PDB file of all heavy atoms in Angstrom:
ATOM      1  N   PRO A   1     254.632 311.982 168.945  1.00  0.00           N
ATOM      2  CA  PRO A   1     254.203 313.363 168.694  1.00  0.00           C
ATOM      3  C   PRO A   1     254.103 313.650 167.203  1.00  0.00           C
ATOM      4  O   PRO A   1     254.695 312.951 166.380  1.00  0.00           O
ATOM      5  CB  PRO A   1     255.326 314.200 169.336  1.00  0.00           C
ATOM      6  CG  PRO A   1     255.995 313.273 170.308  1.00  0.00           C
ATOM      7  CD  PRO A   1     255.870 311.910 169.721  1.00  0.00           C
ATOM      8  N   ARG A   2     253.356 314.672 166.853  1.00  0.00           N
ATOM      9  CA  ARG A   2     253.172 315.033 165.450  1.00  0.00           C
ATOM     10  C   ARG A   2     254.512 315.420 164.825  1.00  0.00           C
ATOM     11  O   ARG A   2     255.314 316.126 165.442  1.00  0.00           O
ATOM     12  CB  ARG A   2     252.191 316.207 165.318  1.00  0.00           C
ATOM     13  CG  ARG A   2     251.821 316.518 163.865  1.00  0.00           C
ATOM     14  CD  ARG A   2     250.656 317.476 163.798  1.00  0.00           C
ATOM     15  NE  ARG A   2     250.200 317.674 162.427  1.00  0.00           N
ATOM     16  CZ  ARG A   2     250.574 318.678 161.647  1.00  0.00           C
ATOM     17  NH1 ARG A   2     251.399 319.579 162.125  1.00  0.00           N
ATOM     18  NH2 ARG A   2     250.106 318.772 160.434  1.00  0.00           N
ATOM     19  N   GLY A   3     254.747 314.939 163.664  1.00  0.00           N
ATOM     20  CA  GLY A   3     256.042 315.195 163.001  1.00  0.00           C
ATOM     21  C   GLY A   3     257.067 314.106 163.268  1.00  0.00           C
ATOM     22  O   GLY A   3     258.212 314.213 162.829  1.00  0.00           O
ATOM     23  N   GLN A   4     256.658 313.067 164.018  1.00  0.00           N
ATOM     24  CA  GLN A   4     257.558 311.937 164.295  1.00  0.00           C
ATOM     25  C   GLN A   4     256.849 310.642 163.935  1.00  0.00           C
ATOM     26  O   GLN A   4     255.628 310.575 163.868  1.00  0.00           O
ATOM     27  CB  GLN A   4     257.940 311.913 165.772  1.00  0.00           C
ATOM     28  CG  GLN A   4     258.715 313.120 166.276  1.00  0.00           C
ATOM     29  CD  GLN A   4     259.137 313.012 167.717  1.00  0.00           C
ATOM     30  OE1 GLN A   4     259.117 311.902 168.320  1.00  0.00           O
ATOM     31  NE2 GLN A   4     259.523 314.113 168.332  1.00  0.00           N
ATOM     32  N   ARG A   5     257.666 309.610 163.698  1.00  0.00           N
ATOM     33  CA  ARG A   5     257.136 308.265 163.531  1.00  0.00           C
ATOM     34  C   ARG A   5     258.155 307.255 164.015  1.00  0.00           C
ATOM     35  O   ARG A   5     259.325 307.608 164.205  1.00  0.00           O
ATOM     36  CB  ARG A   5     256.730 307.981 162.084  1.00  0.00           C
ATOM     37  CG  ARG A   5     257.849 307.875 161.096  1.00  0.00           C
ATOM     38  CD  ARG A   5     257.321 307.391 159.744  1.00  0.00           C
ATOM     39  NE  ARG A   5     256.742 306.049 159.854  1.00  0.00           N
ATOM     40  CZ  ARG A   5     256.050 305.472 158.858  1.00  0.00           C
ATOM     41  NH1 ARG A   5     255.824 306.101 157.743  1.00  0.00           N
ATOM     42  NH2 ARG A   5     255.585 304.243 159.017  1.00  0.00           N
ATOM     43  N   THR A   6     257.734 306.041 164.253  1.00  0.00           N
ATOM     44  CA  THR A   6     258.603 305.049 164.846  1.00  0.00           C
ATOM     45  C   THR A   6     259.650 304.531 163.850  1.00  0.00           C
ATOM     46  O   THR A   6     259.385 304.436 162.631  1.00  0.00           O
ATOM     47  CB  THR A   6     257.775 303.863 165.355  1.00  0.00           C
ATOM     48  OG1 THR A   6     257.010 303.320 164.289  1.00  0.00           O
ATOM     49  CG2 THR A   6     256.855 304.291 166.463  1.00  0.00           C
ATOM     50  N   ASP A   7     260.827 304.194 164.395  1.00  0.00           N
ATOM     51  CA  ASP A   7     261.834 303.543 163.582  1.00  0.00           C
ATOM     52  C   ASP A   7     261.732 302.027 163.779  1.00  0.00           C
ATOM     53  O   ASP A   7     260.746 301.524 164.331  1.00  0.00           O
ATOM     54  CB  ASP A   7     263.222 304.057 163.954  1.00  0.00           C
ATOM     55  CG  ASP A   7     263.598 303.799 165.411  1.00  0.00           C
ATOM     56  OD1 ASP A   7     262.842 303.081 166.110  1.00  0.00           O
ATOM     57  OD2 ASP A   7     264.597 304.355 165.900  1.00  0.00           O
ATOM     58  N   ASP A   8     262.721 301.297 163.327  1.00  0.00           N
ATOM     59  CA  ASP A   8     262.658 299.818 163.424  1.00  0.00           C
ATOM     60  C   ASP A   8     262.721 299.321 164.851  1.00  0.00           C
ATOM     61  O   ASP A   8     262.308 298.197 165.136  1.00  0.00           O
ATOM     62  CB  ASP A   8     263.820 299.230 162.627  1.00  0.00           C
ATOM     63  CG  ASP A   8     263.717 299.503 161.148  1.00  0.00           C
ATOM     64  OD1 ASP A   8     262.588 299.720 160.670  1.00  0.00           O
ATOM     65  OD2 ASP A   8     264.768 299.528 160.448  1.00  0.00           O
ATOM     66  N   ASN A   9     263.210 300.175 165.775  1.00  0.00           N
ATOM     67  CA  ASN A   9     263.295 299.795 167.191  1.00  0.00           C
ATOM     68  C   ASN A   9     262.151 300.311 168.020  1.00  0.00           C
ATOM     69  O   ASN A   9     262.229 300.296 169.245  1.00  0.00           O
ATOM     70  CB  ASN A   9     264.634 300.282 167.766  1.00  0.00           C
ATOM     71  CG  ASN A   9     265.836 299.699 167.082  1.00  0.00           C
ATOM     72  OD1 ASN A   9     265.859 298.502 166.787  1.00  0.00           O
ATOM     73  ND2 ASN A   9     266.841 300.525 166.772  1.00  0.00           N
ATOM     74  N   LYS A  10     261.071 300.802 167.327  1.00  0.00           N
ATOM     75  CA  LYS A  10     259.887 301.324 168.017  1.00  0.00           C
ATOM     76  C   LYS A  10     260.188 302.562 168.844  1.00  0.00           C
ATOM     77  O   LYS A  10     259.607 302.786 169.896  1.00  0.00           O
ATOM     78  CB  LYS A  10     259.277 300.228 168.945  1.00  0.00           C
ATOM     79  CG  LYS A  10     258.688 299.058 168.191  1.00  0.00           C
ATOM     80  CD  LYS A  10     257.449 299.469 167.422  1.00  0.00           C
ATOM     81  CE  LYS A  10     256.797 298.271 166.764  1.00  0.00           C
ATOM     82  NZ  LYS A  10     255.555 298.680 166.035  1.00  0.00           N
ATOM     83  N   ILE A  11     261.136 303.355 168.384  1.00  0.00           N
ATOM     84  CA  ILE A  11     261.472 304.629 168.993  1.00  0.00           C
ATOM     85  C   ILE A  11     260.957 305.764 168.119  1.00  0.00           C
ATOM     86  O   ILE A  11     261.145 305.712 166.901  1.00  0.00           O
ATOM     87  CB  ILE A  11     263.004 304.784 169.201  1.00  0.00           C
ATOM     88  CG1 ILE A  11     263.549 303.563 169.959  1.00  0.00           C
ATOM     89  CG2 ILE A  11     263.319 306.074 169.959  1.00  0.00           C
ATOM     90  CD1 ILE A  11     262.933 303.359 171.315  1.00  0.00           C
ATOM     91  N   CYS A  12     260.313 306.757 168.705  1.00  0.00           N
ATOM     92  CA  CYS A  12     259.768 307.867 167.943  1.00  0.00           C
ATOM     93  C   CYS A  12     260.918 308.767 167.501  1.00  0.00           C
ATOM     94  O   CYS A  12     261.672 309.288 168.340  1.00  0.00           O
ATOM     95  CB  CYS A  12     258.774 308.673 168.773  1.00  0.00           C
ATOM     96  SG  CYS A  12     257.291 307.740 169.259  1.00  0.00           S
ATOM     97  N   ARG A  13     261.074 308.948 166.202  1.00  0.00           N
ATOM     98  CA  ARG A  13     262.121 309.785 165.640  1.00  0.00           C
ATOM     99  C   ARG A  13     261.489 310.892 164.799  1.00  0.00           C
ATOM    100  O   ARG A  13     260.520 310.665 164.100  1.00  0.00           O
ATOM    101  CB  ARG A  13     263.078 308.962 164.786  1.00  0.00           C
ATOM    102  CG  ARG A  13     263.746 307.794 165.493  1.00  0.00           C
ATOM    103  CD  ARG A  13     264.687 308.267 166.560  1.00  0.00           C
ATOM    104  NE  ARG A  13     265.392 307.139 167.184  1.00  0.00           N
ATOM    105  CZ  ARG A  13     266.195 307.278 168.232  1.00  0.00           C
ATOM    106  NH1 ARG A  13     266.383 308.474 168.799  1.00  0.00           N
ATOM    107  NH2 ARG A  13     266.810 306.206 168.737  1.00  0.00           N
ATOM    108  N   GLU A  14     262.056 312.059 164.880  1.00  0.00           N
ATOM    109  CA  GLU A  14     261.555 313.204 164.127  1.00  0.00           C
ATOM    110  C   GLU A  14     261.794 312.994 162.636  1.00  0.00           C
ATOM    111  O   GLU A  14     262.875 312.543 162.234  1.00  0.00           O
ATOM    112  CB  GLU A  14     262.206 314.488 164.594  1.00  0.00           C
ATOM    113  CG  GLU A  14     261.572 315.740 163.977  1.00  0.00           C
ATOM    114  CD  GLU A  14     262.115 317.024 164.591  1.00  0.00           C
ATOM    115  OE1 GLU A  14     263.064 316.936 165.396  1.00  0.00           O
ATOM    116  OE2 GLU A  14     261.603 318.104 164.262  1.00  0.00           O
ATOM    117  N   CYS A  15     260.815 313.293 161.829  1.00  0.00           N
ATOM    118  CA  CYS A  15     260.935 313.140 160.383  1.00  0.00           C
ATOM    119  C   CYS A  15     261.720 314.314 159.828  1.00  0.00           C
ATOM    120  O   CYS A  15     261.293 315.468 159.931  1.00  0.00           O
ATOM    121  CB  CYS A  15     259.552 313.102 159.744  1.00  0.00           C
ATOM    122  SG  CYS A  15     258.534 311.725 160.288  1.00  0.00           S
ATOM    123  N   MET A  16     262.857 314.052 159.253  1.00  0.00           N
ATOM    124  CA  MET A  16     263.728 315.116 158.707  1.00  0.00           C
ATOM    125  C   MET A  16     263.849 315.013 157.202  1.00  0.00           C
ATOM    126  O   MET A  16     264.655 315.739 156.594  1.00  0.00           O
ATOM    127  CB  MET A  16     265.115 314.989 159.329  1.00  0.00           C
ATOM    128  CG  MET A  16     265.106 315.152 160.874  1.00  0.00           C
ATOM    129  SD  MET A  16     264.311 316.688 161.417  1.00  0.00           S
ATOM    130  CE  MET A  16     265.423 317.899 160.711  1.00  0.00           C
ATOM    131  N   GLY A  17     263.088 314.126 156.557  1.00  0.00           N
ATOM    132  CA  GLY A  17     263.178 313.990 155.122  1.00  0.00           C
ATOM    133  C   GLY A  17     262.377 315.061 154.397  1.00  0.00           C
ATOM    134  O   GLY A  17     261.714 315.920 155.007  1.00  0.00           O
ATOM    135  N   SER A  18     262.415 315.021 153.090  1.00  0.00           N
ATOM    136  CA  SER A  18     261.640 315.936 152.234  1.00  0.00           C
ATOM    137  C   SER A  18     260.758 315.123 151.313  1.00  0.00           C
ATOM    138  O   SER A  18     261.109 313.984 150.986  1.00  0.00           O
ATOM    139  CB  SER A  18     262.577 316.830 151.408  1.00  0.00           C
ATOM    140  OG  SER A  18     263.386 317.632 152.260  1.00  0.00           O
ATOM    141  N   PRO A  19     259.635 315.649 150.898  1.00  0.00           N
ATOM    142  CA  PRO A  19     258.761 314.918 149.977  1.00  0.00           C
ATOM    143  C   PRO A  19     259.513 314.605 148.690  1.00  0.00           C
ATOM    144  O   PRO A  19     260.244 315.443 148.144  1.00  0.00           O
ATOM    145  CB  PRO A  19     257.599 315.882 149.730  1.00  0.00           C
ATOM    146  CG  PRO A  19     257.625 316.819 150.877  1.00  0.00           C
ATOM    147  CD  PRO A  19     259.064 316.959 151.275  1.00  0.00           C
ATOM    148  N   ASP A  20     259.336 313.383 148.167  1.00  0.00           N
ATOM    149  CA  ASP A  20     259.965 313.049 146.900  1.00  0.00           C
ATOM    150  C   ASP A  20     259.095 313.515 145.743  1.00  0.00           C
ATOM    151  O   ASP A  20     258.036 314.140 145.960  1.00  0.00           O
ATOM    152  CB  ASP A  20     260.255 311.542 146.823  1.00  0.00           C
ATOM    153  CG  ASP A  20     258.989 310.690 146.994  1.00  0.00           C
ATOM    154  OD1 ASP A  20     257.901 311.209 146.752  1.00  0.00           O
ATOM    155  OD2 ASP A  20     259.116 309.518 147.358  1.00  0.00           O
ATOM    156  N   CYS A  21     259.521 313.224 144.551  1.00  0.00           N
ATOM    157  CA  CYS A  21     258.808 313.707 143.365  1.00  0.00           C
ATOM    158  C   CYS A  21     257.338 313.248 143.342  1.00  0.00           C
ATOM    159  O   CYS A  21     256.445 313.999 143.050  1.00  0.00           O
ATOM    160  CB  CYS A  21     259.547 313.241 142.098  1.00  0.00           C
ATOM    161  SG  CYS A  21     258.748 313.724 140.548  1.00  0.00           S
ATOM    162  N   TYR A  22     257.139 311.954 143.686  1.00  0.00           N
ATOM    163  CA  TYR A  22     255.766 311.421 143.683  1.00  0.00           C
ATOM    164  C   TYR A  22     254.896 312.109 144.704  1.00  0.00           C
ATOM    165  O   TYR A  22     253.714 312.338 144.460  1.00  0.00           O
ATOM    166  CB  TYR A  22     255.817 309.916 143.931  1.00  0.00           C
ATOM    167  CG  TYR A  22     254.480 309.224 143.717  1.00  0.00           C
ATOM    168  CD1 TYR A  22     254.078 308.849 142.453  1.00  0.00           C
ATOM    169  CD2 TYR A  22     253.649 308.968 144.816  1.00  0.00           C
ATOM    170  CE1 TYR A  22     252.849 308.209 142.272  1.00  0.00           C
ATOM    171  CE2 TYR A  22     252.432 308.333 144.639  1.00  0.00           C
ATOM    172  CZ  TYR A  22     252.028 307.949 143.364  1.00  0.00           C
ATOM    173  OH  TYR A  22     250.815 307.343 143.170  1.00  0.00           O
ATOM    174  N   ASP A  23     255.463 312.422 145.879  1.00  0.00           N
ATOM    175  CA  ASP A  23     254.708 313.118 146.912  1.00  0.00           C
ATOM    176  C   ASP A  23     254.239 314.485 146.421  1.00  0.00           C
ATOM    177  O   ASP A  23     253.111 314.903 146.643  1.00  0.00           O
ATOM    178  CB  ASP A  23     255.540 313.285 148.179  1.00  0.00           C
ATOM    179  CG  ASP A  23     255.871 311.955 148.852  1.00  0.00           C
ATOM    180  OD1 ASP A  23     255.110 311.003 148.615  1.00  0.00           O
ATOM    181  OD2 ASP A  23     256.866 311.872 149.572  1.00  0.00           O
ATOM    182  N   TRP A  24     255.141 315.207 145.758  1.00  0.00           N
ATOM    183  CA  TRP A  24     254.779 316.531 145.228  1.00  0.00           C
ATOM    184  C   TRP A  24     253.707 316.413 144.148  1.00  0.00           C
ATOM    185  O   TRP A  24     252.822 317.266 144.035  1.00  0.00           O
ATOM    186  CB  TRP A  24     256.001 317.252 144.692  1.00  0.00           C
ATOM    187  CG  TRP A  24     256.905 317.827 145.733  1.00  0.00           C
ATOM    188  CD1 TRP A  24     258.167 317.459 146.068  1.00  0.00           C
ATOM    189  CD2 TRP A  24     256.576 318.900 146.648  1.00  0.00           C
ATOM    190  NE1 TRP A  24     258.672 318.228 147.085  1.00  0.00           N
ATOM    191  CE2 TRP A  24     257.716 319.126 147.462  1.00  0.00           C
ATOM    192  CE3 TRP A  24     255.445 319.702 146.839  1.00  0.00           C
ATOM    193  CZ2 TRP A  24     257.749 320.089 148.460  1.00  0.00           C
ATOM    194  CZ3 TRP A  24     255.471 320.655 147.846  1.00  0.00           C
ATOM    195  CH2 TRP A  24     256.612 320.860 148.629  1.00  0.00           C
ATOM    196  N   LEU A  25     253.818 315.372 143.330  1.00  0.00           N
ATOM    197  CA  LEU A  25     252.794 315.169 142.292  1.00  0.00           C
ATOM    198  C   LEU A  25     251.447 314.879 142.917  1.00  0.00           C
ATOM    199  O   LEU A  25     250.410 315.358 142.424  1.00  0.00           O
ATOM    200  CB  LEU A  25     253.228 313.999 141.379  1.00  0.00           C
ATOM    201  CG  LEU A  25     254.400 314.298 140.451  1.00  0.00           C
ATOM    202  CD1 LEU A  25     254.864 313.019 139.771  1.00  0.00           C
ATOM    203  CD2 LEU A  25     254.030 315.334 139.411  1.00  0.00           C
ATOM    204  N   TYR A  26     251.446 314.128 144.019  1.00  0.00           N
ATOM    205  CA  TYR A  26     250.181 313.871 144.726  1.00  0.00           C
ATOM    206  C   TYR A  26     249.606 315.176 145.285  1.00  0.00           C
ATOM    207  O   TYR A  26     248.402 315.436 145.146  1.00  0.00           O
ATOM    208  CB  TYR A  26     250.423 312.853 145.848  1.00  0.00           C
ATOM    209  CG  TYR A  26     249.269 312.808 146.844  1.00  0.00           C
ATOM    210  CD1 TYR A  26     248.062 312.183 146.525  1.00  0.00           C
ATOM    211  CD2 TYR A  26     249.396 313.386 148.113  1.00  0.00           C
ATOM    212  CE1 TYR A  26     247.027 312.162 147.415  1.00  0.00           C
ATOM    213  CE2 TYR A  26     248.350 313.326 149.021  1.00  0.00           C
ATOM    214  CZ  TYR A  26     247.173 312.731 148.663  1.00  0.00           C
ATOM    215  OH  TYR A  26     246.112 312.702 149.555  1.00  0.00           O
ATOM    216  N   LEU A  27     250.433 315.986 145.922  1.00  0.00           N
ATOM    217  CA  LEU A  27     249.961 317.244 146.465  1.00  0.00           C
ATOM    218  C   LEU A  27     249.477 318.165 145.341  1.00  0.00           C
ATOM    219  O   LEU A  27     248.496 318.888 145.491  1.00  0.00           O
ATOM    220  CB  LEU A  27     251.083 317.936 147.257  1.00  0.00           C
ATOM    221  CG  LEU A  27     251.503 317.257 148.552  1.00  0.00           C
ATOM    222  CD1 LEU A  27     252.662 317.993 149.207  1.00  0.00           C
ATOM    223  CD2 LEU A  27     250.316 317.138 149.523  1.00  0.00           C
ATOM    224  N   GLY A  28     250.152 318.106 144.210  1.00  0.00           N
ATOM    225  CA  GLY A  28     249.683 318.903 143.065  1.00  0.00           C
ATOM    226  C   GLY A  28     248.360 318.459 142.554  1.00  0.00           C
ATOM    227  O   GLY A  28     247.494 319.275 142.205  1.00  0.00           O
ATOM    228  N   PHE A  29     248.105 317.152 142.557  1.00  0.00           N
ATOM    229  CA  PHE A  29     246.800 316.605 142.178  1.00  0.00           C
ATOM    230  C   PHE A  29     245.701 317.088 143.107  1.00  0.00           C
ATOM    231  O   PHE A  29     244.639 317.549 142.665  1.00  0.00           O
ATOM    232  CB  PHE A  29     246.851 315.101 142.139  1.00  0.00           C
ATOM    233  CG  PHE A  29     245.515 314.429 142.029  1.00  0.00           C
ATOM    234  CD1 PHE A  29     244.800 314.463 140.833  1.00  0.00           C
ATOM    235  CD2 PHE A  29     244.972 313.761 143.124  1.00  0.00           C
ATOM    236  CE1 PHE A  29     243.556 313.848 140.736  1.00  0.00           C
ATOM    237  CE2 PHE A  29     243.739 313.150 143.023  1.00  0.00           C
ATOM    238  CZ  PHE A  29     243.037 313.207 141.818  1.00  0.00           C
ATOM    239  N   MET A  30     245.953 316.994 144.413  1.00  0.00           N
ATOM    240  CA  MET A  30     244.964 317.427 145.386  1.00  0.00           C
ATOM    241  C   MET A  30     244.732 318.935 145.303  1.00  0.00           C
ATOM    242  O   MET A  30     243.631 319.423 145.610  1.00  0.00           O
ATOM    243  CB  MET A  30     245.380 317.034 146.801  1.00  0.00           C
ATOM    244  CG  MET A  30     245.542 315.534 147.024  1.00  0.00           C
ATOM    245  SD  MET A  30     244.073 314.559 146.565  1.00  0.00           S
ATOM    246  CE  MET A  30     242.906 315.134 147.797  1.00  0.00           C
ATOM    247  N   ALA A  31     245.771 319.681 144.936  1.00  0.00           N
ATOM    248  CA  ALA A  31     245.619 321.141 144.778  1.00  0.00           C
ATOM    249  C   ALA A  31     244.833 321.477 143.509  1.00  0.00           C
ATOM    250  O   ALA A  31     244.127 322.491 143.469  1.00  0.00           O
ATOM    251  CB  ALA A  31     246.982 321.803 144.765  1.00  0.00           C
ATOM    252  N   MET A  32     244.958 320.632 142.490  1.00  0.00           N
ATOM    253  CA  MET A  32     244.260 320.911 141.224  1.00  0.00           C
ATOM    254  C   MET A  32     242.754 320.657 141.318  1.00  0.00           C
ATOM    255  O   MET A  32     241.983 321.244 140.582  1.00  0.00           O
ATOM    256  CB  MET A  32     244.846 320.054 140.096  1.00  0.00           C
ATOM    257  CG  MET A  32     246.123 320.563 139.531  1.00  0.00           C
ATOM    258  SD  MET A  32     246.538 319.700 138.016  1.00  0.00           S
ATOM    259  CE  MET A  32     246.686 318.004 138.572  1.00  0.00           C
ATOM    260  N   LEU A  33     242.356 319.736 142.197  1.00  0.00           N
ATOM    261  CA  LEU A  33     240.960 319.343 142.240  1.00  0.00           C
ATOM    262  C   LEU A  33     240.016 320.523 142.444  1.00  0.00           C
ATOM    263  O   LEU A  33     239.080 320.715 141.651  1.00  0.00           O
ATOM    264  CB  LEU A  33     240.737 318.292 143.325  1.00  0.00           C
ATOM    265  CG  LEU A  33     241.209 316.868 143.014  1.00  0.00           C
ATOM    266  CD1 LEU A  33     240.971 315.947 144.188  1.00  0.00           C
ATOM    267  CD2 LEU A  33     240.503 316.340 141.754  1.00  0.00           C
ATOM    268  N   PRO A  34     240.195 321.382 143.492  1.00  0.00           N
ATOM    269  CA  PRO A  34     239.294 322.508 143.644  1.00  0.00           C
ATOM    270  C   PRO A  34     239.384 323.508 142.517  1.00  0.00           C
ATOM    271  O   PRO A  34     238.393 324.108 142.120  1.00  0.00           O
ATOM    272  CB  PRO A  34     239.702 323.127 144.992  1.00  0.00           C
ATOM    273  CG  PRO A  34     241.091 322.651 145.231  1.00  0.00           C
ATOM    274  CD  PRO A  34     241.189 321.303 144.606  1.00  0.00           C
ATOM    275  N   LEU A  35     240.591 323.695 141.930  1.00  0.00           N
ATOM    276  CA  LEU A  35     240.742 324.640 140.840  1.00  0.00           C
ATOM    277  C   LEU A  35     239.982 324.172 139.626  1.00  0.00           C
ATOM    278  O   LEU A  35     239.241 324.973 138.995  1.00  0.00           O
ATOM    279  CB  LEU A  35     242.224 324.813 140.512  1.00  0.00           C
ATOM    280  CG  LEU A  35     242.544 325.740 139.326  1.00  0.00           C
ATOM    281  CD1 LEU A  35     242.011 327.154 139.611  1.00  0.00           C
ATOM    282  CD2 LEU A  35     244.034 325.761 139.069  1.00  0.00           C
ATOM    283  N   VAL A  36     240.099 322.901 139.262  1.00  0.00           N
ATOM    284  CA  VAL A  36     239.374 322.373 138.103  1.00  0.00           C
ATOM    285  C   VAL A  36     237.877 322.451 138.330  1.00  0.00           C
ATOM    286  O   VAL A  36     237.111 322.802 137.413  1.00  0.00           O
ATOM    287  CB  VAL A  36     239.816 320.932 137.825  1.00  0.00           C
ATOM    288  CG1 VAL A  36     238.934 320.295 136.750  1.00  0.00           C
ATOM    289  CG2 VAL A  36     241.272 320.896 137.399  1.00  0.00           C
ATOM    290  N   LEU A  37     237.412 322.141 139.541  1.00  0.00           N
ATOM    291  CA  LEU A  37     235.980 322.227 139.838  1.00  0.00           C
ATOM    292  C   LEU A  37     235.500 323.671 139.776  1.00  0.00           C
ATOM    293  O   LEU A  37     234.383 323.952 139.323  1.00  0.00           O
ATOM    294  CB  LEU A  37     235.702 321.612 141.204  1.00  0.00           C
ATOM    295  CG  LEU A  37     235.845 320.083 141.269  1.00  0.00           C
ATOM    296  CD1 LEU A  37     235.712 319.597 142.705  1.00  0.00           C
ATOM    297  CD2 LEU A  37     234.810 319.394 140.392  1.00  0.00           C
ATOM    298  N   HIS A  38     236.304 324.605 140.277  1.00  0.00           N
ATOM    299  CA  HIS A  38     235.976 326.024 140.169  1.00  0.00           C
ATOM    300  C   HIS A  38     235.765 326.401 138.696  1.00  0.00           C
ATOM    301  O   HIS A  38     234.744 327.029 138.351  1.00  0.00           O
ATOM    302  CB  HIS A  38     237.090 326.892 140.746  1.00  0.00           C
ATOM    303  CG  HIS A  38     236.988 327.108 142.228  1.00  0.00           C
ATOM    304  ND1 HIS A  38     235.828 327.429 142.891  1.00  0.00           N
ATOM    305  CD2 HIS A  38     237.956 327.068 143.199  1.00  0.00           C
ATOM    306  CE1 HIS A  38     236.042 327.573 144.186  1.00  0.00           C
ATOM    307  NE2 HIS A  38     237.335 327.344 144.395  1.00  0.00           N
ATOM    308  N   TRP A  39     236.715 326.048 137.864  1.00  0.00           N
ATOM    309  CA  TRP A  39     236.644 326.401 136.439  1.00  0.00           C
ATOM    310  C   TRP A  39     235.446 325.740 135.774  1.00  0.00           C
ATOM    311  O   TRP A  39     234.767 326.375 134.952  1.00  0.00           O
ATOM    312  CB  TRP A  39     237.934 325.954 135.746  1.00  0.00           C
ATOM    313  CG  TRP A  39     239.090 326.875 136.040  1.00  0.00           C
ATOM    314  CD1 TRP A  39     239.013 328.124 136.623  1.00  0.00           C
ATOM    315  CD2 TRP A  39     240.460 326.657 135.724  1.00  0.00           C
ATOM    316  NE1 TRP A  39     240.285 328.656 136.725  1.00  0.00           N
ATOM    317  CE2 TRP A  39     241.176 327.785 136.182  1.00  0.00           C
ATOM    318  CE3 TRP A  39     241.139 325.599 135.143  1.00  0.00           C
ATOM    319  CZ2 TRP A  39     242.551 327.872 136.029  1.00  0.00           C
ATOM    320  CZ3 TRP A  39     242.518 325.710 134.998  1.00  0.00           C
ATOM    321  CH2 TRP A  39     243.217 326.842 135.417  1.00  0.00           C
ATOM    322  N   PHE A  40     235.147 324.499 136.146  1.00  0.00           N
ATOM    323  CA  PHE A  40     234.010 323.812 135.524  1.00  0.00           C
ATOM    324  C   PHE A  40     232.691 324.540 135.854  1.00  0.00           C
ATOM    325  O   PHE A  40     231.897 324.807 134.947  1.00  0.00           O
ATOM    326  CB  PHE A  40     233.969 322.354 136.015  1.00  0.00           C
ATOM    327  CG  PHE A  40     232.714 321.643 135.596  1.00  0.00           C
ATOM    328  CD1 PHE A  40     232.615 321.136 134.290  1.00  0.00           C
ATOM    329  CD2 PHE A  40     231.629 321.471 136.443  1.00  0.00           C
ATOM    330  CE1 PHE A  40     231.466 320.456 133.892  1.00  0.00           C
ATOM    331  CE2 PHE A  40     230.497 320.809 136.053  1.00  0.00           C
ATOM    332  CZ  PHE A  40     230.410 320.301 134.760  1.00  0.00           C
ATOM    333  N   PHE A  41     232.475 324.843 137.110  1.00  0.00           N
ATOM    334  CA  PHE A  41     231.189 325.446 137.520  1.00  0.00           C
ATOM    335  C   PHE A  41     231.122 326.894 137.065  1.00  0.00           C
ATOM    336  O   PHE A  41     230.010 327.393 136.771  1.00  0.00           O
ATOM    337  CB  PHE A  41     231.003 325.328 139.022  1.00  0.00           C
ATOM    338  CG  PHE A  41     230.630 323.946 139.458  1.00  0.00           C
ATOM    339  CD1 PHE A  41     231.542 323.164 140.181  1.00  0.00           C
ATOM    340  CD2 PHE A  41     229.399 323.398 139.148  1.00  0.00           C
ATOM    341  CE1 PHE A  41     231.211 321.886 140.581  1.00  0.00           C
ATOM    342  CE2 PHE A  41     229.067 322.107 139.540  1.00  0.00           C
ATOM    343  CZ  PHE A  41     229.971 321.349 140.265  1.00  0.00           C
ATOM    344  N   ILE A  42     232.230 327.607 136.993  1.00  0.00           N
ATOM    345  CA  ILE A  42     232.220 328.969 136.473  1.00  0.00           C
ATOM    346  C   ILE A  42     231.784 328.929 135.021  1.00  0.00           C
ATOM    347  O   ILE A  42     230.952 329.717 134.572  1.00  0.00           O
ATOM    348  CB  ILE A  42     233.599 329.618 136.625  1.00  0.00           C
ATOM    349  CG1 ILE A  42     233.895 329.933 138.088  1.00  0.00           C
ATOM    350  CG2 ILE A  42     233.679 330.903 135.788  1.00  0.00           C
ATOM    351  CD1 ILE A  42     235.310 330.396 138.349  1.00  0.00           C
TER     352      ILE A  42
END
């Protein structure tokens, strides 16, 4: 199901972790793309 992934024993376990620093930086990059393009075309 969505929000779960398999463990080493092939059992679906709910993901309870949090994004690490690199994950947030990636999301920040994807969030910046439309903003930078908006500013460029404006």
